[in-house]
Amino acid sequence: MHSVTPKRVAAKKSRKAFWLKQLHTWHWMSSAISLVGLLLFTITGITLNHAAEIEAEPVIEERTEQLPAKLLGVIAPKDGEAERAPLPAPVAAWVAETFSVKAGGDAEWSPEEVYLALPRPGGDGWVAIDRATGEATAESTDRGWISYLNDLHKGRNSGTAWKWFIDIFAGACLVFAFTGLFLLQLHAAKRPSTWPIVGVGLLIPVLVALIFIH
């Protein structure tokens, strides 16, 4: 039989100390990155869960302006035009300046009008331009801050940058969770209640789903 030499014991302790240091470093770094996001998604998880109970009065604003005569020819009906296409650059610039909106994306083109949907977190909007008269009508609906934060939670109409933020945030949460799991493993020998508590955390949602969700 080979006895455990002091050198082997020291090497084992050294490896454990190394991994503890690494796990603690990654754990606190990932928690720091995801802290604000965790608060946001936790709070909005509650507000979404009680969305029907939280009353919100939408604020609707409507404005009508006149497209300059020099731009009327730019949106005049043409044979064989697409049903969905972006606004021409000068028209888009006028819409953006006049109604203080981002006039990007595809608009819906019909013989009578050009309709540009302007969805956004916490509200909606649209601009419609009469192709014969140049009358431009814009409507904006604001459903409040709770609706805005709820839509950020869902990633609804939030754009590419927010989509990337959600992916990066989710990755940080995974690092936080897995490093926490490994830290539990390393400390479990001195904390006998570790795995029973983890088991309870797994058992509760399973029982709720099996018993109360049909």
N, C-alpha and C. Protein backbone atom coordinates (compact mmCIF):
# COMPACT_ATOMS: atom_id res chain seq x y z
N MET A 1 0.83 -1.19 0.00
CA MET A 1 0.00 0.00 0.00
C MET A 1 0.88 1.26 0.00
N HIS A 2 0.40 2.24 -0.76
CA HIS A 2 1.16 3.48 -0.83
C HIS A 2 0.58 4.48 0.16
N SER A 3 1.42 4.98 1.00
CA SER A 3 0.97 5.97 1.98
C SER A 3 0.88 7.34 1.31
N VAL A 4 0.00 8.15 1.83
CA VAL A 4 -0.16 9.51 1.31
C VAL A 4 0.95 10.38 1.90
N THR A 5 1.81 10.81 1.07
CA THR A 5 2.94 11.62 1.54
C THR A 5 2.51 13.05 1.76
N PRO A 6 3.24 13.74 2.65
CA PRO A 6 2.93 15.17 2.87
C PRO A 6 2.96 15.98 1.57
N LYS A 7 3.84 15.58 0.63
CA LYS A 7 3.94 16.31 -0.63
C LYS A 7 2.65 16.19 -1.43
N ARG A 8 2.06 14.95 -1.44
CA ARG A 8 0.81 14.75 -2.16
C ARG A 8 -0.33 15.53 -1.51
N VAL A 9 -0.35 15.51 -0.20
CA VAL A 9 -1.39 16.26 0.52
C VAL A 9 -1.28 17.74 0.19
N ALA A 10 -0.06 18.25 0.20
CA ALA A 10 0.15 19.67 -0.10
C ALA A 10 -0.27 20.00 -1.54
N ALA A 11 0.04 19.06 -2.47
CA ALA A 11 -0.33 19.29 -3.87
C ALA A 11 -1.84 19.31 -4.03
N LYS A 12 -2.53 18.40 -3.31
CA LYS A 12 -3.99 18.34 -3.38
C LYS A 12 -4.61 19.63 -2.83
N LYS A 13 -4.07 20.09 -1.70
CA LYS A 13 -4.58 21.32 -1.10
C LYS A 13 -4.32 22.52 -2.02
N SER A 14 -3.18 22.49 -2.68
CA SER A 14 -2.82 23.57 -3.59
C SER A 14 -3.78 23.62 -4.78
N ARG A 15 -4.11 22.42 -5.34
CA ARG A 15 -5.05 22.38 -6.46
C ARG A 15 -6.42 22.88 -6.03
N LYS A 16 -6.87 22.44 -4.84
CA LYS A 16 -8.17 22.87 -4.35
C LYS A 16 -8.20 24.38 -4.13
N ALA A 17 -7.11 24.91 -3.56
CA ALA A 17 -7.03 26.35 -3.33
C ALA A 17 -7.06 27.12 -4.66
N PHE A 18 -6.37 26.56 -5.69
CA PHE A 18 -6.37 27.19 -7.01
C PHE A 18 -7.78 27.26 -7.59
N TRP A 19 -8.50 26.12 -7.56
CA TRP A 19 -9.84 26.09 -8.13
C TRP A 19 -10.82 26.93 -7.32
N LEU A 20 -10.64 26.95 -6.00
CA LEU A 20 -11.49 27.80 -5.18
C LEU A 20 -11.31 29.27 -5.57
N LYS A 21 -10.05 29.67 -5.76
CA LYS A 21 -9.77 31.04 -6.13
C LYS A 21 -10.37 31.37 -7.49
N GLN A 22 -10.19 30.44 -8.46
CA GLN A 22 -10.73 30.67 -9.80
C GLN A 22 -12.26 30.75 -9.78
N LEU A 23 -12.88 29.81 -9.06
CA LEU A 23 -14.34 29.79 -9.01
C LEU A 23 -14.90 31.02 -8.32
N HIS A 24 -14.25 31.43 -7.22
CA HIS A 24 -14.69 32.63 -6.54
C HIS A 24 -14.56 33.86 -7.45
N THR A 25 -13.46 33.92 -8.20
CA THR A 25 -13.25 35.05 -9.10
C THR A 25 -14.33 35.12 -10.17
N TRP A 26 -14.58 33.98 -10.84
CA TRP A 26 -15.59 33.94 -11.89
C TRP A 26 -16.99 34.15 -11.32
N HIS A 27 -17.19 33.66 -10.09
CA HIS A 27 -18.51 33.79 -9.47
C HIS A 27 -18.83 35.25 -9.17
N TRP A 28 -17.88 35.96 -8.57
CA TRP A 28 -18.20 37.36 -8.23
C TRP A 28 -18.22 38.24 -9.47
N MET A 29 -17.37 37.94 -10.45
CA MET A 29 -17.38 38.73 -11.68
C MET A 29 -18.70 38.57 -12.44
N SER A 30 -19.16 37.31 -12.56
CA SER A 30 -20.42 37.08 -13.26
C SER A 30 -21.60 37.66 -12.49
N SER A 31 -21.53 37.62 -11.17
CA SER A 31 -22.61 38.20 -10.36
C SER A 31 -22.64 39.72 -10.51
N ALA A 32 -21.45 40.33 -10.59
CA ALA A 32 -21.39 41.79 -10.77
C ALA A 32 -21.96 42.20 -12.12
N ILE A 33 -21.64 41.42 -13.17
CA ILE A 33 -22.14 41.73 -14.51
C ILE A 33 -23.66 41.56 -14.59
N SER A 34 -24.17 40.51 -13.93
CA SER A 34 -25.59 40.20 -14.08
C SER A 34 -26.48 40.79 -12.99
N LEU A 35 -25.90 41.50 -12.01
CA LEU A 35 -26.68 41.97 -10.86
C LEU A 35 -27.86 42.85 -11.26
N VAL A 36 -27.59 43.91 -12.04
CA VAL A 36 -28.66 44.83 -12.42
C VAL A 36 -29.68 44.11 -13.30
N GLY A 37 -29.18 43.28 -14.22
CA GLY A 37 -30.09 42.51 -15.07
C GLY A 37 -30.96 41.56 -14.28
N LEU A 38 -30.38 40.92 -13.26
CA LEU A 38 -31.15 40.01 -12.41
C LEU A 38 -32.26 40.76 -11.68
N LEU A 39 -31.94 41.95 -11.18
CA LEU A 39 -32.97 42.76 -10.51
C LEU A 39 -34.08 43.13 -11.49
N LEU A 40 -33.69 43.57 -12.71
CA LEU A 40 -34.67 43.96 -13.71
C LEU A 40 -35.57 42.79 -14.08
N PHE A 41 -34.96 41.63 -14.39
CA PHE A 41 -35.77 40.51 -14.85
C PHE A 41 -36.56 39.87 -13.72
N THR A 42 -36.07 39.98 -12.48
CA THR A 42 -36.83 39.47 -11.34
C THR A 42 -38.07 40.32 -11.08
N ILE A 43 -37.88 41.64 -11.06
CA ILE A 43 -39.01 42.55 -10.80
C ILE A 43 -40.04 42.46 -11.92
N THR A 44 -39.56 42.46 -13.18
CA THR A 44 -40.50 42.39 -14.29
C THR A 44 -41.13 41.00 -14.41
N GLY A 45 -40.46 39.98 -13.88
CA GLY A 45 -41.11 38.66 -13.82
C GLY A 45 -42.34 38.72 -12.93
N ILE A 46 -42.26 39.48 -11.82
CA ILE A 46 -43.41 39.64 -10.92
C ILE A 46 -44.50 40.47 -11.60
N THR A 47 -44.10 41.58 -12.23
CA THR A 47 -45.11 42.43 -12.88
C THR A 47 -45.78 41.72 -14.05
N LEU A 48 -45.04 40.89 -14.79
CA LEU A 48 -45.64 40.12 -15.87
C LEU A 48 -46.59 39.06 -15.32
N ASN A 49 -46.22 38.47 -14.19
CA ASN A 49 -47.06 37.44 -13.59
C ASN A 49 -48.39 38.01 -13.10
N HIS A 50 -48.39 39.32 -12.83
CA HIS A 50 -49.61 39.98 -12.34
C HIS A 50 -50.06 41.07 -13.32
N ALA A 51 -49.77 40.86 -14.60
CA ALA A 51 -50.07 41.89 -15.60
C ALA A 51 -51.56 42.23 -15.63
N ALA A 52 -52.43 41.23 -15.47
CA ALA A 52 -53.87 41.48 -15.53
C ALA A 52 -54.36 42.30 -14.34
N GLU A 53 -53.59 42.28 -13.24
CA GLU A 53 -54.02 43.00 -12.04
C GLU A 53 -53.44 44.41 -11.96
N ILE A 54 -52.48 44.69 -12.82
CA ILE A 54 -51.85 46.03 -12.81
C ILE A 54 -52.49 46.87 -13.90
N GLU A 55 -53.31 47.82 -13.51
CA GLU A 55 -54.01 48.64 -14.47
C GLU A 55 -53.09 49.71 -15.05
N ALA A 56 -53.23 49.91 -16.35
CA ALA A 56 -52.45 50.95 -17.02
C ALA A 56 -53.36 51.66 -18.02
N GLU A 57 -53.37 52.97 -17.97
CA GLU A 57 -54.20 53.76 -18.88
C GLU A 57 -53.33 54.26 -20.04
N PRO A 58 -53.54 53.70 -21.25
CA PRO A 58 -52.71 54.15 -22.38
C PRO A 58 -52.93 55.63 -22.68
N VAL A 59 -51.85 56.30 -23.02
CA VAL A 59 -51.92 57.70 -23.44
C VAL A 59 -51.72 57.74 -24.95
N ILE A 60 -52.74 58.20 -25.67
CA ILE A 60 -52.71 58.20 -27.13
C ILE A 60 -52.62 59.63 -27.64
N GLU A 61 -51.65 59.89 -28.49
CA GLU A 61 -51.49 61.20 -29.10
C GLU A 61 -51.54 61.06 -30.62
N GLU A 62 -52.22 62.00 -31.25
CA GLU A 62 -52.33 61.96 -32.72
C GLU A 62 -52.03 63.34 -33.29
N ARG A 63 -51.28 63.37 -34.38
CA ARG A 63 -50.92 64.62 -35.05
C ARG A 63 -51.10 64.46 -36.55
N THR A 64 -51.45 65.55 -37.19
CA THR A 64 -51.58 65.56 -38.65
C THR A 64 -50.74 66.71 -39.21
N GLU A 65 -49.91 66.39 -40.19
CA GLU A 65 -49.07 67.38 -40.85
C GLU A 65 -49.21 67.21 -42.36
N GLN A 66 -48.63 68.13 -43.11
CA GLN A 66 -48.72 68.08 -44.56
C GLN A 66 -47.33 67.82 -45.16
N LEU A 67 -47.24 66.76 -45.93
CA LEU A 67 -45.98 66.45 -46.62
C LEU A 67 -45.69 67.56 -47.62
N PRO A 68 -44.45 68.07 -47.64
CA PRO A 68 -44.11 69.13 -48.61
C PRO A 68 -44.44 68.71 -50.03
N ALA A 69 -44.89 69.67 -50.83
CA ALA A 69 -45.30 69.38 -52.21
C ALA A 69 -44.18 68.75 -53.03
N LYS A 70 -42.94 69.17 -52.76
CA LYS A 70 -41.82 68.64 -53.54
C LYS A 70 -41.58 67.15 -53.28
N LEU A 71 -42.11 66.63 -52.14
CA LEU A 71 -41.93 65.21 -51.83
C LEU A 71 -43.12 64.37 -52.25
N LEU A 72 -44.21 65.02 -52.68
CA LEU A 72 -45.41 64.27 -53.03
C LEU A 72 -45.17 63.35 -54.21
N GLY A 73 -44.38 63.82 -55.18
CA GLY A 73 -44.09 62.99 -56.34
C GLY A 73 -43.26 61.76 -55.99
N VAL A 74 -42.49 61.84 -54.90
CA VAL A 74 -41.64 60.71 -54.51
C VAL A 74 -42.47 59.50 -54.08
N ILE A 75 -43.68 59.77 -53.53
CA ILE A 75 -44.52 58.65 -53.06
C ILE A 75 -45.70 58.40 -54.00
N ALA A 76 -45.70 59.03 -55.18
CA ALA A 76 -46.80 58.82 -56.12
C ALA A 76 -46.86 57.36 -56.55
N PRO A 77 -48.07 56.82 -56.74
CA PRO A 77 -48.19 55.41 -57.14
C PRO A 77 -47.47 55.12 -58.45
N LYS A 78 -46.85 53.95 -58.49
CA LYS A 78 -46.12 53.51 -59.69
C LYS A 78 -46.53 52.09 -60.01
N ASP A 79 -46.47 51.72 -61.27
CA ASP A 79 -46.81 50.36 -61.69
C ASP A 79 -45.74 49.38 -61.20
N GLY A 80 -46.20 48.25 -60.70
CA GLY A 80 -45.29 47.18 -60.31
C GLY A 80 -44.48 47.45 -59.06
N GLU A 81 -44.91 48.39 -58.23
CA GLU A 81 -44.15 48.68 -57.01
C GLU A 81 -44.39 47.61 -55.96
N ALA A 82 -43.44 47.46 -55.04
CA ALA A 82 -43.55 46.45 -53.99
C ALA A 82 -44.61 46.87 -52.97
N GLU A 83 -45.22 45.86 -52.34
CA GLU A 83 -46.21 46.13 -51.29
C GLU A 83 -45.54 46.51 -49.98
N ARG A 84 -44.29 46.07 -49.78
CA ARG A 84 -43.53 46.44 -48.57
C ARG A 84 -42.14 46.92 -49.00
N ALA A 85 -41.80 48.12 -48.60
CA ALA A 85 -40.50 48.70 -48.94
C ALA A 85 -40.25 49.88 -48.02
N PRO A 86 -38.98 50.23 -47.76
CA PRO A 86 -38.69 51.39 -46.91
C PRO A 86 -39.19 52.69 -47.52
N LEU A 87 -39.40 53.69 -46.68
CA LEU A 87 -39.73 55.02 -47.18
C LEU A 87 -38.54 55.57 -47.96
N PRO A 88 -38.77 56.30 -49.03
CA PRO A 88 -37.64 56.96 -49.71
C PRO A 88 -36.91 57.86 -48.72
N ALA A 89 -35.61 57.97 -48.88
CA ALA A 89 -34.76 58.70 -47.92
C ALA A 89 -35.27 60.10 -47.58
N PRO A 90 -35.64 60.94 -48.56
CA PRO A 90 -36.09 62.29 -48.18
C PRO A 90 -37.41 62.28 -47.41
N VAL A 91 -38.30 61.33 -47.73
CA VAL A 91 -39.57 61.21 -47.01
C VAL A 91 -39.31 60.71 -45.60
N ALA A 92 -38.43 59.72 -45.46
CA ALA A 92 -38.09 59.19 -44.14
C ALA A 92 -37.48 60.28 -43.26
N ALA A 93 -36.62 61.12 -43.86
CA ALA A 93 -35.99 62.21 -43.09
C ALA A 93 -37.05 63.22 -42.64
N TRP A 94 -38.01 63.51 -43.51
CA TRP A 94 -39.08 64.45 -43.13
C TRP A 94 -39.95 63.88 -42.02
N VAL A 95 -40.31 62.61 -42.13
CA VAL A 95 -41.14 61.95 -41.10
C VAL A 95 -40.40 61.96 -39.76
N ALA A 96 -39.11 61.59 -39.79
CA ALA A 96 -38.33 61.54 -38.55
C ALA A 96 -38.25 62.90 -37.88
N GLU A 97 -38.03 63.95 -38.68
CA GLU A 97 -37.89 65.30 -38.12
C GLU A 97 -39.24 65.85 -37.65
N THR A 98 -40.27 65.60 -38.42
CA THR A 98 -41.59 66.18 -38.13
C THR A 98 -42.25 65.54 -36.92
N PHE A 99 -42.14 64.21 -36.83
CA PHE A 99 -42.85 63.49 -35.78
C PHE A 99 -41.93 62.96 -34.68
N SER A 100 -40.65 63.26 -34.78
CA SER A 100 -39.66 62.82 -33.77
C SER A 100 -39.70 61.31 -33.57
N VAL A 101 -39.61 60.57 -34.67
CA VAL A 101 -39.63 59.10 -34.62
C VAL A 101 -38.48 58.58 -35.49
N LYS A 102 -38.18 57.30 -35.33
CA LYS A 102 -37.22 56.63 -36.20
C LYS A 102 -38.00 56.02 -37.37
N ALA A 103 -37.80 56.57 -38.53
CA ALA A 103 -38.60 56.16 -39.69
C ALA A 103 -37.90 55.07 -40.51
N GLY A 104 -37.35 54.07 -39.83
CA GLY A 104 -36.69 52.98 -40.52
C GLY A 104 -37.62 51.79 -40.71
N GLY A 105 -37.12 50.75 -41.35
CA GLY A 105 -37.91 49.55 -41.57
C GLY A 105 -38.81 49.68 -42.77
N ASP A 106 -39.47 48.59 -43.12
CA ASP A 106 -40.35 48.56 -44.28
C ASP A 106 -41.70 49.17 -43.96
N ALA A 107 -42.22 49.92 -44.92
CA ALA A 107 -43.57 50.46 -44.84
C ALA A 107 -44.48 49.62 -45.73
N GLU A 108 -45.79 49.71 -45.49
CA GLU A 108 -46.78 49.03 -46.32
C GLU A 108 -47.31 50.03 -47.36
N TRP A 109 -47.17 49.65 -48.63
CA TRP A 109 -47.56 50.54 -49.72
C TRP A 109 -48.84 50.03 -50.38
N SER A 110 -49.84 50.88 -50.40
CA SER A 110 -51.08 50.59 -51.13
C SER A 110 -51.31 51.74 -52.11
N PRO A 111 -52.23 51.60 -53.06
CA PRO A 111 -52.46 52.71 -54.00
C PRO A 111 -52.91 54.00 -53.31
N GLU A 112 -53.54 53.88 -52.12
CA GLU A 112 -54.07 55.06 -51.43
C GLU A 112 -53.09 55.70 -50.45
N GLU A 113 -52.30 54.88 -49.75
CA GLU A 113 -51.47 55.44 -48.69
C GLU A 113 -50.20 54.62 -48.47
N VAL A 114 -49.28 55.23 -47.74
CA VAL A 114 -48.09 54.55 -47.24
C VAL A 114 -48.24 54.48 -45.72
N TYR A 115 -48.13 53.27 -45.18
CA TYR A 115 -48.34 53.06 -43.74
C TYR A 115 -47.06 52.50 -43.13
N LEU A 116 -46.52 53.23 -42.16
CA LEU A 116 -45.29 52.80 -41.49
C LEU A 116 -45.60 52.50 -40.03
N ALA A 117 -45.47 51.23 -39.62
CA ALA A 117 -45.68 50.84 -38.23
C ALA A 117 -44.44 51.22 -37.41
N LEU A 118 -44.68 51.70 -36.19
CA LEU A 118 -43.58 52.13 -35.32
C LEU A 118 -43.72 51.49 -33.93
N PRO A 119 -43.61 50.16 -33.87
CA PRO A 119 -43.71 49.50 -32.56
C PRO A 119 -42.49 49.80 -31.71
N ARG A 120 -42.69 49.82 -30.40
CA ARG A 120 -41.58 50.07 -29.48
C ARG A 120 -41.93 49.49 -28.12
N PRO A 121 -40.94 49.30 -27.24
CA PRO A 121 -41.26 48.80 -25.90
C PRO A 121 -42.19 49.77 -25.16
N GLY A 122 -43.22 49.24 -24.55
CA GLY A 122 -44.12 50.07 -23.75
C GLY A 122 -45.12 50.88 -24.55
N GLY A 123 -45.20 50.64 -25.84
CA GLY A 123 -46.15 51.40 -26.64
C GLY A 123 -46.13 50.99 -28.10
N ASP A 124 -46.86 51.74 -28.87
CA ASP A 124 -46.94 51.50 -30.31
C ASP A 124 -47.08 52.84 -31.01
N GLY A 125 -46.96 52.80 -32.32
CA GLY A 125 -47.16 54.01 -33.09
C GLY A 125 -47.21 53.69 -34.57
N TRP A 126 -47.63 54.66 -35.33
CA TRP A 126 -47.67 54.50 -36.78
C TRP A 126 -47.74 55.87 -37.45
N VAL A 127 -47.33 55.89 -38.71
CA VAL A 127 -47.46 57.07 -39.55
C VAL A 127 -48.09 56.63 -40.86
N ALA A 128 -49.13 57.34 -41.28
CA ALA A 128 -49.80 57.05 -42.55
C ALA A 128 -49.78 58.30 -43.41
N ILE A 129 -49.37 58.15 -44.67
CA ILE A 129 -49.30 59.30 -45.60
C ILE A 129 -50.21 59.03 -46.78
N ASP A 130 -51.14 59.94 -47.00
CA ASP A 130 -52.03 59.84 -48.16
C ASP A 130 -51.23 60.16 -49.42
N ARG A 131 -51.23 59.24 -50.38
CA ARG A 131 -50.38 59.39 -51.55
C ARG A 131 -50.93 60.41 -52.55
N ALA A 132 -52.19 60.77 -52.42
CA ALA A 132 -52.78 61.75 -53.33
C ALA A 132 -52.66 63.16 -52.79
N THR A 133 -52.92 63.33 -51.49
CA THR A 133 -52.94 64.68 -50.92
C THR A 133 -51.68 65.02 -50.13
N GLY A 134 -50.94 64.01 -49.68
CA GLY A 134 -49.75 64.26 -48.86
C GLY A 134 -50.06 64.47 -47.40
N GLU A 135 -51.32 64.28 -47.00
CA GLU A 135 -51.67 64.42 -45.58
C GLU A 135 -51.02 63.28 -44.80
N ALA A 136 -50.28 63.64 -43.76
CA ALA A 136 -49.55 62.64 -42.96
C ALA A 136 -50.10 62.65 -41.54
N THR A 137 -50.52 61.49 -41.08
CA THR A 137 -51.07 61.35 -39.74
C THR A 137 -50.19 60.41 -38.93
N ALA A 138 -49.86 60.83 -37.72
CA ALA A 138 -49.04 60.01 -36.84
C ALA A 138 -49.80 59.78 -35.54
N GLU A 139 -49.75 58.55 -35.06
CA GLU A 139 -50.36 58.23 -33.77
C GLU A 139 -49.34 57.53 -32.90
N SER A 140 -49.31 57.91 -31.63
CA SER A 140 -48.38 57.32 -30.67
C SER A 140 -49.15 56.87 -29.43
N THR A 141 -48.90 55.64 -28.98
CA THR A 141 -49.55 55.10 -27.79
C THR A 141 -48.49 54.77 -26.76
N ASP A 142 -48.63 55.34 -25.57
CA ASP A 142 -47.70 55.10 -24.46
C ASP A 142 -48.45 54.38 -23.35
N ARG A 143 -47.99 53.16 -23.00
CA ARG A 143 -48.66 52.36 -21.98
C ARG A 143 -47.96 52.44 -20.62
N GLY A 144 -46.97 53.29 -20.47
CA GLY A 144 -46.36 53.51 -19.17
C GLY A 144 -45.08 52.72 -18.94
N TRP A 145 -44.43 53.03 -17.79
CA TRP A 145 -43.12 52.45 -17.47
C TRP A 145 -43.18 50.95 -17.20
N ILE A 146 -44.25 50.50 -16.55
CA ILE A 146 -44.33 49.07 -16.26
C ILE A 146 -44.42 48.27 -17.55
N SER A 147 -45.24 48.75 -18.47
CA SER A 147 -45.34 48.09 -19.77
C SER A 147 -44.00 48.14 -20.51
N TYR A 148 -43.31 49.27 -20.39
CA TYR A 148 -41.99 49.42 -21.03
C TYR A 148 -41.01 48.37 -20.50
N LEU A 149 -40.94 48.24 -19.17
CA LEU A 149 -40.01 47.28 -18.57
C LEU A 149 -40.44 45.84 -18.88
N ASN A 150 -41.75 45.58 -18.90
CA ASN A 150 -42.23 44.25 -19.25
C ASN A 150 -41.82 43.87 -20.67
N ASP A 151 -41.91 44.83 -21.58
CA ASP A 151 -41.51 44.55 -22.97
C ASP A 151 -40.01 44.33 -23.08
N LEU A 152 -39.22 45.04 -22.26
CA LEU A 152 -37.78 44.77 -22.24
C LEU A 152 -37.52 43.34 -21.76
N HIS A 153 -38.28 42.89 -20.77
CA HIS A 153 -38.15 41.52 -20.26
C HIS A 153 -38.38 40.52 -21.40
N LYS A 154 -39.38 40.78 -22.22
CA LYS A 154 -39.73 39.86 -23.32
C LYS A 154 -38.89 40.11 -24.57
N GLY A 155 -38.14 41.21 -24.60
CA GLY A 155 -37.39 41.54 -25.81
C GLY A 155 -38.29 42.01 -26.93
N ARG A 156 -39.49 42.52 -26.60
CA ARG A 156 -40.47 42.91 -27.61
C ARG A 156 -40.10 44.26 -28.22
N ASN A 157 -39.89 44.25 -29.53
CA ASN A 157 -39.61 45.49 -30.27
C ASN A 157 -38.47 46.30 -29.65
N SER A 158 -37.43 45.60 -29.16
CA SER A 158 -36.37 46.27 -28.41
C SER A 158 -35.08 46.45 -29.22
N GLY A 159 -35.03 45.90 -30.41
CA GLY A 159 -33.87 46.13 -31.26
C GLY A 159 -32.73 45.13 -31.05
N THR A 160 -31.75 45.21 -31.93
CA THR A 160 -30.64 44.26 -31.94
C THR A 160 -29.74 44.40 -30.72
N ALA A 161 -29.46 45.64 -30.31
CA ALA A 161 -28.55 45.85 -29.17
C ALA A 161 -29.11 45.20 -27.91
N TRP A 162 -30.42 45.36 -27.68
CA TRP A 162 -31.03 44.75 -26.49
C TRP A 162 -31.04 43.22 -26.60
N LYS A 163 -31.21 42.72 -27.81
CA LYS A 163 -31.16 41.27 -28.03
C LYS A 163 -29.79 40.72 -27.62
N TRP A 164 -28.73 41.44 -28.01
CA TRP A 164 -27.38 41.03 -27.64
C TRP A 164 -27.18 41.13 -26.13
N PHE A 165 -27.75 42.19 -25.52
CA PHE A 165 -27.63 42.32 -24.07
C PHE A 165 -28.26 41.12 -23.37
N ILE A 166 -29.43 40.69 -23.81
CA ILE A 166 -30.10 39.55 -23.18
C ILE A 166 -29.24 38.30 -23.30
N ASP A 167 -28.63 38.09 -24.48
CA ASP A 167 -27.78 36.90 -24.67
C ASP A 167 -26.55 36.95 -23.75
N ILE A 168 -25.90 38.12 -23.67
CA ILE A 168 -24.72 38.26 -22.82
C ILE A 168 -25.10 38.11 -21.35
N PHE A 169 -26.22 38.73 -20.97
CA PHE A 169 -26.71 38.62 -19.60
C PHE A 169 -27.02 37.17 -19.25
N ALA A 170 -27.66 36.44 -20.16
CA ALA A 170 -27.97 35.03 -19.91
C ALA A 170 -26.70 34.20 -19.75
N GLY A 171 -25.67 34.52 -20.56
CA GLY A 171 -24.39 33.82 -20.42
C GLY A 171 -23.75 34.07 -19.07
N ALA A 172 -23.82 35.34 -18.61
CA ALA A 172 -23.26 35.68 -17.29
C ALA A 172 -24.01 34.95 -16.18
N CYS A 173 -25.34 34.83 -16.34
CA CYS A 173 -26.13 34.10 -15.33
C CYS A 173 -25.77 32.62 -15.30
N LEU A 174 -25.49 32.04 -16.47
CA LEU A 174 -25.07 30.64 -16.52
C LEU A 174 -23.73 30.44 -15.80
N VAL A 175 -22.80 31.37 -16.06
CA VAL A 175 -21.50 31.29 -15.37
C VAL A 175 -21.70 31.42 -13.87
N PHE A 176 -22.53 32.36 -13.46
CA PHE A 176 -22.84 32.57 -12.05
C PHE A 176 -23.43 31.31 -11.42
N ALA A 177 -24.38 30.68 -12.13
CA ALA A 177 -25.04 29.48 -11.60
C ALA A 177 -24.09 28.29 -11.52
N PHE A 178 -23.33 28.05 -12.58
CA PHE A 178 -22.45 26.88 -12.59
C PHE A 178 -21.27 27.02 -11.64
N THR A 179 -20.71 28.23 -11.55
CA THR A 179 -19.61 28.42 -10.58
C THR A 179 -20.15 28.28 -9.16
N GLY A 180 -21.38 28.74 -8.94
CA GLY A 180 -22.01 28.54 -7.63
C GLY A 180 -22.21 27.07 -7.32
N LEU A 181 -22.59 26.30 -8.34
CA LEU A 181 -22.78 24.86 -8.15
C LEU A 181 -21.46 24.17 -7.78
N PHE A 182 -20.38 24.53 -8.48
CA PHE A 182 -19.08 23.94 -8.16
C PHE A 182 -18.58 24.37 -6.78
N LEU A 183 -18.87 25.61 -6.41
CA LEU A 183 -18.50 26.05 -5.06
C LEU A 183 -19.27 25.27 -4.00
N LEU A 184 -20.54 24.98 -4.28
CA LEU A 184 -21.31 24.13 -3.36
C LEU A 184 -20.67 22.76 -3.22
N GLN A 185 -20.21 22.22 -4.35
CA GLN A 185 -19.57 20.91 -4.34
C GLN A 185 -18.30 20.93 -3.48
N LEU A 186 -17.52 21.98 -3.62
CA LEU A 186 -16.26 22.06 -2.88
C LEU A 186 -16.49 22.26 -1.38
N HIS A 187 -17.58 22.92 -1.02
CA HIS A 187 -17.85 23.19 0.40
C HIS A 187 -18.82 22.19 1.03
N ALA A 188 -19.39 21.30 0.22
CA ALA A 188 -20.45 20.42 0.71
C ALA A 188 -20.00 19.49 1.84
N ALA A 189 -18.73 19.09 1.81
CA ALA A 189 -18.24 18.15 2.82
C ALA A 189 -18.37 18.73 4.24
N LYS A 190 -18.21 20.05 4.36
CA LYS A 190 -18.29 20.70 5.66
C LYS A 190 -19.68 21.28 5.95
N ARG A 191 -20.56 21.16 4.95
CA ARG A 191 -21.92 21.69 5.11
C ARG A 191 -22.91 20.60 4.68
N PRO A 192 -23.28 19.70 5.56
CA PRO A 192 -24.12 18.55 5.20
C PRO A 192 -25.48 18.91 4.64
N SER A 193 -25.96 20.09 4.96
CA SER A 193 -27.31 20.46 4.49
C SER A 193 -27.31 20.98 3.05
N THR A 194 -26.12 21.06 2.42
CA THR A 194 -26.03 21.67 1.09
C THR A 194 -26.94 20.98 0.07
N TRP A 195 -26.72 19.69 -0.14
CA TRP A 195 -27.46 18.99 -1.19
C TRP A 195 -28.93 18.77 -0.86
N PRO A 196 -29.30 18.52 0.42
CA PRO A 196 -30.74 18.49 0.72
C PRO A 196 -31.46 19.80 0.37
N ILE A 197 -30.80 20.94 0.63
CA ILE A 197 -31.42 22.23 0.29
C ILE A 197 -31.52 22.39 -1.22
N VAL A 198 -30.47 22.00 -1.94
CA VAL A 198 -30.52 22.04 -3.40
C VAL A 198 -31.65 21.14 -3.91
N GLY A 199 -31.79 19.97 -3.29
CA GLY A 199 -32.86 19.05 -3.68
C GLY A 199 -34.25 19.65 -3.47
N VAL A 200 -34.42 20.37 -2.35
CA VAL A 200 -35.70 21.03 -2.08
C VAL A 200 -35.97 22.09 -3.16
N GLY A 201 -34.92 22.81 -3.53
CA GLY A 201 -35.08 23.82 -4.58
C GLY A 201 -35.50 23.23 -5.91
N LEU A 202 -35.09 22.00 -6.18
CA LEU A 202 -35.51 21.30 -7.39
C LEU A 202 -36.91 20.71 -7.23
N LEU A 203 -37.19 20.18 -6.03
CA LEU A 203 -38.45 19.47 -5.79
C LEU A 203 -39.66 20.40 -5.82
N ILE A 204 -39.51 21.61 -5.27
CA ILE A 204 -40.67 22.53 -5.17
C ILE A 204 -41.28 22.83 -6.54
N PRO A 205 -40.51 23.30 -7.54
CA PRO A 205 -41.16 23.59 -8.83
C PRO A 205 -41.70 22.34 -9.52
N VAL A 206 -41.02 21.19 -9.32
CA VAL A 206 -41.52 19.95 -9.92
C VAL A 206 -42.88 19.58 -9.33
N LEU A 207 -43.02 19.67 -8.01
CA LEU A 207 -44.30 19.34 -7.37
C LEU A 207 -45.40 20.32 -7.76
N VAL A 208 -45.05 21.61 -7.79
CA VAL A 208 -46.04 22.60 -8.19
C VAL A 208 -46.54 22.33 -9.61
N ALA A 209 -45.61 22.00 -10.52
CA ALA A 209 -45.99 21.72 -11.91
C ALA A 209 -46.85 20.47 -12.01
N LEU A 210 -46.49 19.42 -11.28
CA LEU A 210 -47.22 18.16 -11.36
C LEU A 210 -48.60 18.24 -10.70
N ILE A 211 -48.69 18.96 -9.60
CA ILE A 211 -49.93 18.97 -8.82
C ILE A 211 -50.91 20.06 -9.29
N PHE A 212 -50.38 21.27 -9.59
CA PHE A 212 -51.27 22.40 -9.80
C PHE A 212 -51.42 22.82 -11.27
N ILE A 213 -50.55 22.32 -12.14
CA ILE A 213 -50.64 22.70 -13.56
C ILE A 213 -51.21 21.53 -14.35
N HIS A 214 -52.33 21.77 -14.98
CA HIS A 214 -52.99 20.70 -15.76
C HIS A 214 -53.31 21.20 -17.16
